[in-house]
Amino acid sequence: MEKKMFLKASPLIFQNAKQLRNHLTNSEMKLWGYLRTKPFRLKFRRQHPLGIYIADFYCHALKLIIEVDGNIHERKDVVLHDDERQSLLEKEGFLFLRFCNADVQNNFEKVIEEANQFIQNKIPPSGG
């Protein structure tokens, strides 16, 4: 399970993730307030190690990564890094949802609506 859940993340990545969990941004805290309620009965983890990366939020059942990006993510070098990281993880079968801090802070209902719609479309239909 660990291989699939953490992609062989190193102890240093786990340590960094723990520090990040203890220092969430206001936007991450706001979104975590919703995700921790287990929408659609899905468990989300915050600051979850995945190989050499740390996902802001992760749902293992859907292999869904949710990122909340601050202003630094508008810099060209950071955009290139984010794109490369996302591409590598998508090749591993992960799905991505990205929101900017401003949207989480100023349009929270819209963010939740978009997240819920995305999640609902990814939940496998129950057999029967």
N, C-alpha and C. Protein backbone atom coordinates (compact mmCIF):
# COMPACT_ATOMS: atom_id res chain seq x y z
N MET A 1 0.83 -1.20 0.00
CA MET A 1 0.00 0.00 0.00
C MET A 1 0.87 1.25 0.00
N GLU A 2 1.96 1.23 0.75
CA GLU A 2 2.78 2.44 0.85
C GLU A 2 3.26 2.89 -0.52
N LYS A 3 3.65 1.95 -1.37
CA LYS A 3 4.15 2.33 -2.69
C LYS A 3 3.09 3.14 -3.44
N LYS A 4 1.86 2.66 -3.41
CA LYS A 4 0.80 3.36 -4.14
C LYS A 4 0.35 4.63 -3.42
N MET A 5 0.39 4.60 -2.10
CA MET A 5 -0.12 5.74 -1.32
C MET A 5 0.88 6.89 -1.28
N PHE A 6 2.18 6.57 -1.25
CA PHE A 6 3.19 7.61 -1.07
C PHE A 6 4.24 7.66 -2.17
N LEU A 7 4.18 6.73 -3.11
CA LEU A 7 5.16 6.66 -4.21
C LEU A 7 6.61 6.68 -3.71
N LYS A 8 6.85 5.90 -2.65
CA LYS A 8 8.21 5.76 -2.09
C LYS A 8 8.83 7.09 -1.66
N ALA A 9 8.03 7.93 -1.06
CA ALA A 9 8.54 9.22 -0.56
C ALA A 9 9.60 8.97 0.51
N SER A 10 10.61 9.80 0.52
CA SER A 10 11.71 9.66 1.48
C SER A 10 11.31 10.21 2.84
N PRO A 11 12.05 9.85 3.88
CA PRO A 11 11.78 10.42 5.21
C PRO A 11 11.86 11.95 5.22
N LEU A 12 12.73 12.53 4.41
CA LEU A 12 12.83 13.99 4.35
C LEU A 12 11.53 14.60 3.80
N ILE A 13 10.95 13.98 2.79
CA ILE A 13 9.67 14.46 2.23
C ILE A 13 8.58 14.38 3.30
N PHE A 14 8.55 13.27 4.06
CA PHE A 14 7.57 13.14 5.14
C PHE A 14 7.77 14.23 6.19
N GLN A 15 9.01 14.53 6.51
CA GLN A 15 9.32 15.59 7.48
C GLN A 15 8.87 16.95 6.95
N ASN A 16 9.14 17.23 5.69
CA ASN A 16 8.70 18.49 5.08
C ASN A 16 7.19 18.60 5.06
N ALA A 17 6.52 17.48 4.75
CA ALA A 17 5.05 17.47 4.71
C ALA A 17 4.48 17.78 6.09
N LYS A 18 5.09 17.21 7.12
CA LYS A 18 4.62 17.46 8.49
C LYS A 18 4.75 18.94 8.83
N GLN A 19 5.87 19.55 8.45
CA GLN A 19 6.06 20.98 8.71
C GLN A 19 5.01 21.80 7.97
N LEU A 20 4.73 21.43 6.71
CA LEU A 20 3.72 22.15 5.94
C LEU A 20 2.33 21.99 6.55
N ARG A 21 2.01 20.80 7.08
CA ARG A 21 0.71 20.59 7.73
C ARG A 21 0.55 21.50 8.93
N ASN A 22 1.67 21.82 9.59
CA ASN A 22 1.62 22.68 10.77
C ASN A 22 1.63 24.16 10.42
N HIS A 23 1.75 24.48 9.13
CA HIS A 23 1.81 25.88 8.70
C HIS A 23 0.99 26.09 7.42
N LEU A 24 -0.28 25.71 7.47
CA LEU A 24 -1.14 25.89 6.30
C LEU A 24 -1.36 27.38 6.03
N THR A 25 -1.50 27.71 4.75
CA THR A 25 -1.89 29.07 4.40
C THR A 25 -3.36 29.27 4.77
N ASN A 26 -3.81 30.51 4.80
CA ASN A 26 -5.23 30.78 5.09
C ASN A 26 -6.13 30.07 4.09
N SER A 27 -5.74 30.08 2.82
CA SER A 27 -6.57 29.44 1.79
C SER A 27 -6.59 27.93 1.97
N GLU A 28 -5.43 27.35 2.28
CA GLU A 28 -5.39 25.90 2.51
C GLU A 28 -6.24 25.53 3.73
N MET A 29 -6.16 26.35 4.78
CA MET A 29 -6.95 26.10 5.98
C MET A 29 -8.45 26.14 5.67
N LYS A 30 -8.83 27.12 4.86
CA LYS A 30 -10.24 27.27 4.51
C LYS A 30 -10.73 26.06 3.71
N LEU A 31 -9.97 25.64 2.72
CA LEU A 31 -10.37 24.48 1.92
C LEU A 31 -10.32 23.21 2.74
N TRP A 32 -9.33 23.07 3.62
CA TRP A 32 -9.23 21.90 4.48
C TRP A 32 -10.45 21.80 5.39
N GLY A 33 -10.97 22.94 5.83
CA GLY A 33 -12.19 22.93 6.65
C GLY A 33 -13.32 22.20 5.96
N TYR A 34 -13.38 22.30 4.63
CA TYR A 34 -14.41 21.58 3.87
C TYR A 34 -14.00 20.13 3.61
N LEU A 35 -12.78 19.93 3.11
CA LEU A 35 -12.36 18.59 2.71
C LEU A 35 -12.29 17.61 3.88
N ARG A 36 -12.03 18.11 5.07
CA ARG A 36 -11.94 17.22 6.23
C ARG A 36 -13.30 16.65 6.63
N THR A 37 -14.39 17.22 6.08
CA THR A 37 -15.73 16.70 6.37
C THR A 37 -16.04 15.45 5.53
N LYS A 38 -15.08 15.01 4.73
CA LYS A 38 -15.21 13.82 3.87
C LYS A 38 -16.39 13.95 2.90
N PRO A 39 -16.33 14.94 2.01
CA PRO A 39 -17.40 15.07 1.03
C PRO A 39 -17.51 13.80 0.20
N PHE A 40 -18.73 13.38 -0.06
CA PHE A 40 -19.01 12.16 -0.82
C PHE A 40 -18.38 10.93 -0.16
N ARG A 41 -18.20 11.00 1.16
CA ARG A 41 -17.60 9.92 1.95
C ARG A 41 -16.16 9.61 1.52
N LEU A 42 -15.49 10.58 0.97
CA LEU A 42 -14.11 10.40 0.51
C LEU A 42 -13.15 11.06 1.51
N LYS A 43 -12.11 10.33 1.85
CA LYS A 43 -11.11 10.86 2.77
C LYS A 43 -10.05 11.64 2.00
N PHE A 44 -9.78 12.83 2.48
CA PHE A 44 -8.72 13.66 1.93
C PHE A 44 -7.62 13.78 2.97
N ARG A 45 -6.40 13.87 2.48
CA ARG A 45 -5.24 14.10 3.33
C ARG A 45 -4.66 15.44 2.95
N ARG A 46 -4.05 16.13 3.91
CA ARG A 46 -3.44 17.42 3.60
C ARG A 46 -1.93 17.27 3.63
N GLN A 47 -1.26 18.00 2.74
CA GLN A 47 0.19 17.97 2.63
C GLN A 47 0.67 16.52 2.60
N HIS A 48 0.24 15.81 1.57
CA HIS A 48 0.48 14.37 1.44
C HIS A 48 1.69 14.09 0.55
N PRO A 49 2.69 13.34 1.05
CA PRO A 49 3.87 12.99 0.26
C PRO A 49 3.53 12.05 -0.90
N LEU A 50 4.06 12.38 -2.08
CA LEU A 50 3.93 11.54 -3.27
C LEU A 50 5.29 11.56 -3.97
N GLY A 51 6.11 10.57 -3.71
CA GLY A 51 7.44 10.54 -4.31
C GLY A 51 8.26 11.72 -3.81
N ILE A 52 8.76 12.52 -4.74
CA ILE A 52 9.56 13.70 -4.36
C ILE A 52 8.69 14.94 -4.19
N TYR A 53 7.39 14.79 -4.32
CA TYR A 53 6.47 15.92 -4.24
C TYR A 53 5.59 15.83 -3.01
N ILE A 54 4.95 16.96 -2.70
CA ILE A 54 3.96 17.01 -1.62
C ILE A 54 2.72 17.67 -2.19
N ALA A 55 1.62 16.93 -2.17
CA ALA A 55 0.34 17.46 -2.66
C ALA A 55 -0.33 18.24 -1.55
N ASP A 56 -0.92 19.40 -1.88
CA ASP A 56 -1.64 20.17 -0.87
C ASP A 56 -2.73 19.30 -0.24
N PHE A 57 -3.55 18.68 -1.10
CA PHE A 57 -4.62 17.78 -0.65
C PHE A 57 -4.65 16.57 -1.58
N TYR A 58 -4.95 15.41 -1.00
CA TYR A 58 -4.92 14.18 -1.79
C TYR A 58 -6.03 13.25 -1.34
N CYS A 59 -6.76 12.70 -2.32
CA CYS A 59 -7.77 11.67 -2.08
C CYS A 59 -7.30 10.40 -2.78
N HIS A 60 -6.91 9.41 -1.99
CA HIS A 60 -6.35 8.18 -2.55
C HIS A 60 -7.39 7.40 -3.35
N ALA A 61 -8.63 7.40 -2.90
CA ALA A 61 -9.68 6.64 -3.59
C ALA A 61 -9.84 7.07 -5.04
N LEU A 62 -9.65 8.36 -5.31
CA LEU A 62 -9.80 8.89 -6.67
C LEU A 62 -8.46 9.22 -7.33
N LYS A 63 -7.36 9.07 -6.57
CA LYS A 63 -6.03 9.51 -7.02
C LYS A 63 -6.10 10.98 -7.45
N LEU A 64 -6.80 11.77 -6.62
CA LEU A 64 -7.04 13.17 -6.91
C LEU A 64 -6.15 14.06 -6.05
N ILE A 65 -5.42 14.95 -6.71
CA ILE A 65 -4.58 15.95 -6.06
C ILE A 65 -5.26 17.30 -6.24
N ILE A 66 -5.44 18.01 -5.14
CA ILE A 66 -5.99 19.37 -5.20
C ILE A 66 -4.89 20.32 -4.74
N GLU A 67 -4.58 21.29 -5.56
CA GLU A 67 -3.54 22.28 -5.25
C GLU A 67 -4.18 23.64 -5.07
N VAL A 68 -3.68 24.39 -4.09
CA VAL A 68 -4.10 25.76 -3.86
C VAL A 68 -2.85 26.62 -4.08
N ASP A 69 -2.87 27.39 -5.14
CA ASP A 69 -1.68 28.12 -5.57
C ASP A 69 -1.71 29.59 -5.18
N GLY A 70 -0.62 30.02 -4.57
CA GLY A 70 -0.44 31.43 -4.24
C GLY A 70 0.16 32.19 -5.41
N ASN A 71 0.47 33.45 -5.18
CA ASN A 71 1.01 34.31 -6.24
C ASN A 71 2.32 33.82 -6.83
N ILE A 72 3.12 33.12 -6.04
CA ILE A 72 4.40 32.64 -6.55
C ILE A 72 4.21 31.71 -7.75
N HIS A 73 3.06 31.07 -7.81
CA HIS A 73 2.78 30.13 -8.90
C HIS A 73 2.50 30.84 -10.23
N GLU A 74 2.53 32.17 -10.22
CA GLU A 74 2.40 32.93 -11.46
C GLU A 74 3.75 33.20 -12.11
N ARG A 75 4.84 32.99 -11.36
CA ARG A 75 6.18 33.19 -11.93
C ARG A 75 6.46 32.13 -12.98
N LYS A 76 7.12 32.52 -14.06
CA LYS A 76 7.36 31.63 -15.19
C LYS A 76 8.10 30.35 -14.77
N ASP A 77 9.15 30.47 -13.95
CA ASP A 77 9.90 29.29 -13.53
C ASP A 77 9.05 28.35 -12.68
N VAL A 78 8.19 28.92 -11.85
CA VAL A 78 7.33 28.09 -11.01
C VAL A 78 6.24 27.43 -11.85
N VAL A 79 5.71 28.15 -12.82
CA VAL A 79 4.71 27.58 -13.74
C VAL A 79 5.31 26.38 -14.47
N LEU A 80 6.54 26.52 -14.95
CA LEU A 80 7.20 25.41 -15.65
C LEU A 80 7.40 24.22 -14.72
N HIS A 81 7.81 24.47 -13.50
CA HIS A 81 7.98 23.40 -12.52
C HIS A 81 6.65 22.72 -12.22
N ASP A 82 5.60 23.53 -11.99
CA ASP A 82 4.26 22.98 -11.71
C ASP A 82 3.78 22.11 -12.87
N ASP A 83 3.98 22.60 -14.10
CA ASP A 83 3.54 21.85 -15.29
C ASP A 83 4.27 20.52 -15.39
N GLU A 84 5.58 20.56 -15.15
CA GLU A 84 6.38 19.32 -15.22
C GLU A 84 5.94 18.33 -14.15
N ARG A 85 5.77 18.83 -12.95
CA ARG A 85 5.33 18.00 -11.82
C ARG A 85 3.96 17.38 -12.11
N GLN A 86 3.04 18.22 -12.57
CA GLN A 86 1.70 17.73 -12.87
C GLN A 86 1.74 16.69 -13.98
N SER A 87 2.50 16.93 -15.02
CA SER A 87 2.60 15.99 -16.13
C SER A 87 3.14 14.64 -15.67
N LEU A 88 4.18 14.66 -14.86
CA LEU A 88 4.76 13.41 -14.35
C LEU A 88 3.75 12.64 -13.51
N LEU A 89 3.04 13.34 -12.65
CA LEU A 89 2.06 12.67 -11.79
C LEU A 89 0.84 12.21 -12.59
N GLU A 90 0.43 12.96 -13.59
CA GLU A 90 -0.69 12.52 -14.43
C GLU A 90 -0.32 11.23 -15.19
N LYS A 91 0.94 11.10 -15.58
CA LYS A 91 1.39 9.86 -16.24
C LYS A 91 1.29 8.67 -15.30
N GLU A 92 1.33 8.94 -13.99
CA GLU A 92 1.16 7.89 -12.98
C GLU A 92 -0.32 7.63 -12.67
N GLY A 93 -1.21 8.37 -13.35
CA GLY A 93 -2.64 8.16 -13.17
C GLY A 93 -3.33 9.10 -12.20
N PHE A 94 -2.62 10.13 -11.75
CA PHE A 94 -3.22 11.08 -10.81
C PHE A 94 -4.03 12.13 -11.56
N LEU A 95 -5.08 12.59 -10.91
CA LEU A 95 -5.93 13.67 -11.43
C LEU A 95 -5.60 14.94 -10.67
N PHE A 96 -5.80 16.08 -11.31
CA PHE A 96 -5.48 17.37 -10.68
C PHE A 96 -6.64 18.33 -10.73
N LEU A 97 -6.78 19.07 -9.65
CA LEU A 97 -7.65 20.23 -9.57
C LEU A 97 -6.80 21.34 -8.99
N ARG A 98 -6.82 22.51 -9.61
CA ARG A 98 -6.04 23.65 -9.12
C ARG A 98 -6.95 24.85 -8.87
N PHE A 99 -6.69 25.49 -7.75
CA PHE A 99 -7.39 26.73 -7.41
C PHE A 99 -6.34 27.74 -6.97
N CYS A 100 -6.62 29.01 -7.20
CA CYS A 100 -5.71 30.05 -6.70
C CYS A 100 -6.23 30.54 -5.35
N ASN A 101 -5.30 31.06 -4.56
CA ASN A 101 -5.66 31.57 -3.23
C ASN A 101 -6.82 32.55 -3.29
N ALA A 102 -6.77 33.46 -4.25
CA ALA A 102 -7.80 34.50 -4.34
C ALA A 102 -9.19 33.88 -4.51
N ASP A 103 -9.30 32.84 -5.35
CA ASP A 103 -10.60 32.20 -5.54
C ASP A 103 -11.08 31.52 -4.26
N VAL A 104 -10.17 30.84 -3.57
CA VAL A 104 -10.55 30.18 -2.32
C VAL A 104 -11.04 31.22 -1.31
N GLN A 105 -10.35 32.36 -1.25
CA GLN A 105 -10.71 33.39 -0.28
C GLN A 105 -11.97 34.17 -0.68
N ASN A 106 -12.11 34.46 -1.97
CA ASN A 106 -13.17 35.39 -2.41
C ASN A 106 -14.35 34.73 -3.10
N ASN A 107 -14.17 33.51 -3.60
CA ASN A 107 -15.25 32.81 -4.31
C ASN A 107 -15.35 31.37 -3.81
N PHE A 108 -15.37 31.21 -2.49
CA PHE A 108 -15.30 29.88 -1.90
C PHE A 108 -16.43 28.97 -2.36
N GLU A 109 -17.63 29.50 -2.45
CA GLU A 109 -18.76 28.67 -2.88
C GLU A 109 -18.53 28.13 -4.29
N LYS A 110 -17.98 28.97 -5.16
CA LYS A 110 -17.68 28.54 -6.52
C LYS A 110 -16.60 27.46 -6.54
N VAL A 111 -15.59 27.61 -5.71
CA VAL A 111 -14.52 26.61 -5.61
C VAL A 111 -15.10 25.26 -5.16
N ILE A 112 -15.94 25.30 -4.13
CA ILE A 112 -16.54 24.06 -3.61
C ILE A 112 -17.45 23.43 -4.67
N GLU A 113 -18.22 24.26 -5.36
CA GLU A 113 -19.10 23.76 -6.42
C GLU A 113 -18.28 23.08 -7.52
N GLU A 114 -17.18 23.71 -7.95
CA GLU A 114 -16.33 23.13 -8.99
C GLU A 114 -15.68 21.83 -8.50
N ALA A 115 -15.20 21.84 -7.28
CA ALA A 115 -14.58 20.63 -6.72
C ALA A 115 -15.61 19.50 -6.63
N ASN A 116 -16.80 19.81 -6.12
CA ASN A 116 -17.85 18.79 -5.99
C ASN A 116 -18.24 18.21 -7.34
N GLN A 117 -18.38 19.07 -8.34
CA GLN A 117 -18.75 18.61 -9.67
C GLN A 117 -17.66 17.69 -10.24
N PHE A 118 -16.42 18.08 -10.08
CA PHE A 118 -15.30 17.28 -10.57
C PHE A 118 -15.29 15.92 -9.87
N ILE A 119 -15.44 15.93 -8.55
CA ILE A 119 -15.42 14.70 -7.76
C ILE A 119 -16.58 13.80 -8.17
N GLN A 120 -17.78 14.35 -8.28
CA GLN A 120 -18.94 13.56 -8.66
C GLN A 120 -18.73 12.88 -10.01
N ASN A 121 -18.08 13.55 -10.93
CA ASN A 121 -17.84 12.97 -12.25
C ASN A 121 -16.77 11.88 -12.22
N LYS A 122 -15.98 11.82 -11.17
CA LYS A 122 -14.90 10.83 -11.07
C LYS A 122 -15.26 9.64 -10.19
N ILE A 123 -16.32 9.76 -9.41
CA ILE A 123 -16.73 8.65 -8.54
C ILE A 123 -17.29 7.53 -9.41
N PRO A 124 -16.70 6.34 -9.28
CA PRO A 124 -17.24 5.22 -10.08
C PRO A 124 -18.67 4.91 -9.69
N PRO A 125 -19.52 4.61 -10.69
CA PRO A 125 -20.90 4.27 -10.36
C PRO A 125 -20.93 2.96 -9.56
N SER A 126 -21.83 2.92 -8.57
CA SER A 126 -21.93 1.68 -7.79
C SER A 126 -22.68 0.64 -8.60
N GLY A 127 -22.20 -0.58 -8.48
CA GLY A 127 -22.81 -1.69 -9.23
C GLY A 127 -24.17 -2.03 -8.70
N GLY A 128 -24.97 -2.61 -9.54
CA GLY A 128 -26.26 -3.01 -9.01
C GLY A 128 -27.27 -3.09 -9.99
